[in-house]
């Protein structure tokens, strides 16, 4: 059984026991998080309608907070001496899917 869930504007395919990184959530390590299901595949049956998904719950346990890779940004304009250098590291929350109940 697996489900497709929405988290932070992205969609993830998850099964019980999977570890994934979602956008940062303000919770502590060890807490539980509920993820919004968009689709549920249970062997032969596929559930995609809102009425059926209202009964489905996907829970995950927070493991830790992590950071993504460093992204280097360089802005440059020719002949003006304008140069700007920046960097960014996206913050993620690592979660482990503990249950998919329908």
Protein backbone atom coordinates (compact mmCIF):
# COMPACT_ATOMS: atom_id res chain seq x y z
CA UNK A 1 0.00 0.00 0.00
CA UNK A 2 1.24 3.47 -0.83
CA UNK A 3 -0.14 6.99 -0.89
CA UNK A 4 0.67 10.22 -2.62
CA UNK A 5 0.69 13.08 -0.11
CA UNK A 6 1.00 16.85 -0.33
CA UNK A 7 3.51 18.69 1.79
CA UNK A 8 4.79 22.20 1.27
CA UNK A 9 3.45 22.53 -2.27
CA UNK A 10 5.12 19.29 -3.37
CA UNK A 11 3.82 15.76 -3.82
CA UNK A 12 5.57 12.68 -2.42
CA UNK A 13 4.91 8.98 -2.94
CA UNK A 14 5.13 7.31 0.48
CA UNK A 15 4.73 3.87 2.03
CA UNK A 16 4.97 2.81 5.66
CA UNK A 17 8.60 2.97 6.82
CA UNK A 18 9.76 5.48 4.18
CA UNK A 19 11.98 8.38 5.23
CA UNK A 20 11.56 11.62 3.31
CA UNK A 21 12.46 15.28 3.56
CA UNK A 22 9.63 17.80 3.53
CA UNK A 23 9.75 21.58 3.85
CA UNK A 24 10.46 22.75 7.38
CA UNK A 25 7.66 22.14 9.88
CA UNK A 26 7.71 23.81 13.31
CA UNK A 27 7.66 20.66 15.46
CA UNK A 28 10.22 18.94 17.68
CA UNK A 29 11.95 15.63 16.99
CA UNK A 30 9.82 12.68 18.05
CA UNK A 31 6.50 14.47 17.47
CA UNK A 32 3.87 13.21 15.06
CA UNK A 33 2.80 14.99 11.87
CA UNK A 34 -0.30 14.38 9.73
CA UNK A 35 0.21 14.54 5.95
CA UNK A 36 -2.58 15.37 3.48
CA UNK A 37 -3.31 12.42 1.14
CA UNK A 38 -4.07 13.08 -2.55
CA UNK A 39 -4.24 9.49 -3.77
CA UNK A 40 -4.26 6.07 -2.10
CA UNK A 41 -3.35 2.81 -3.84
CA UNK A 42 -4.24 -0.32 -1.88
CA UNK A 43 -3.35 -3.31 -4.06
CA UNK A 44 -6.28 -3.47 -6.49
CA UNK A 45 -8.23 -0.43 -5.29
CA UNK A 46 -7.29 3.18 -6.05
CA UNK A 47 -8.89 5.98 -4.01
CA UNK A 48 -8.71 9.48 -5.48
CA UNK A 49 -12.06 11.12 -4.65
CA UNK A 50 -12.39 13.65 -1.84
CA UNK A 51 -15.05 11.64 -0.02
CA UNK A 52 -12.88 8.53 0.16
CA UNK A 53 -9.72 10.45 1.04
CA UNK A 54 -11.51 12.12 3.97
CA UNK A 55 -11.34 8.76 5.74
CA UNK A 56 -7.63 8.24 5.01
CA UNK A 57 -4.94 9.42 7.42
CA UNK A 58 -1.21 9.40 6.81
CA UNK A 59 0.94 9.92 9.91
CA UNK A 60 4.67 10.48 10.17
CA UNK A 61 7.18 10.88 12.98
CA UNK A 62 9.70 13.73 12.90
CA UNK A 63 13.30 12.50 12.98
CA UNK A 64 15.36 15.69 12.68
CA UNK A 65 15.79 19.00 10.91
CA UNK A 66 18.27 19.09 8.03
CA UNK A 67 19.56 21.51 5.42
CA UNK A 68 19.72 21.03 1.69
CA UNK A 69 22.75 21.67 -0.52
CA UNK A 70 24.19 25.18 -0.81
CA UNK A 71 22.95 27.11 -3.84
CA UNK A 72 25.27 29.85 -5.11
CA UNK A 73 23.66 32.93 -6.68
CA UNK A 74 25.68 35.49 -8.61
CA UNK A 75 24.17 38.65 -10.11
CA UNK A 76 26.33 40.55 -12.57
CA UNK A 77 25.77 43.49 -14.90
CA UNK A 78 28.19 44.21 -17.68
CA UNK A 79 30.19 47.48 -17.78
CA UNK A 80 28.73 48.92 -14.55
CA UNK A 81 30.82 47.25 -11.86
CA UNK A 82 27.67 45.74 -10.31
CA UNK A 83 28.30 42.35 -8.77
CA UNK A 84 26.31 40.62 -6.05
CA UNK A 85 27.02 37.20 -4.57
CA UNK A 86 24.56 35.32 -2.39
CA UNK A 87 23.92 31.81 -1.16
CA UNK A 88 20.97 29.82 0.11
CA UNK A 89 20.39 26.55 1.98
CA UNK A 90 16.82 25.30 2.15
CA UNK A 91 15.74 23.91 5.53
CA UNK A 92 13.97 20.56 5.59
CA UNK A 93 12.35 18.33 8.19
CA UNK A 94 13.16 14.64 7.91
CA UNK A 95 10.16 12.42 8.69
CA UNK A 96 9.48 8.70 8.79
CA UNK A 97 6.02 7.49 7.70
CA UNK A 98 4.52 5.45 10.52
CA UNK A 99 1.04 4.65 9.26
CA UNK A 100 -1.46 4.81 6.42
CA UNK A 101 -4.97 4.07 7.66
CA UNK A 102 -8.05 4.06 5.49
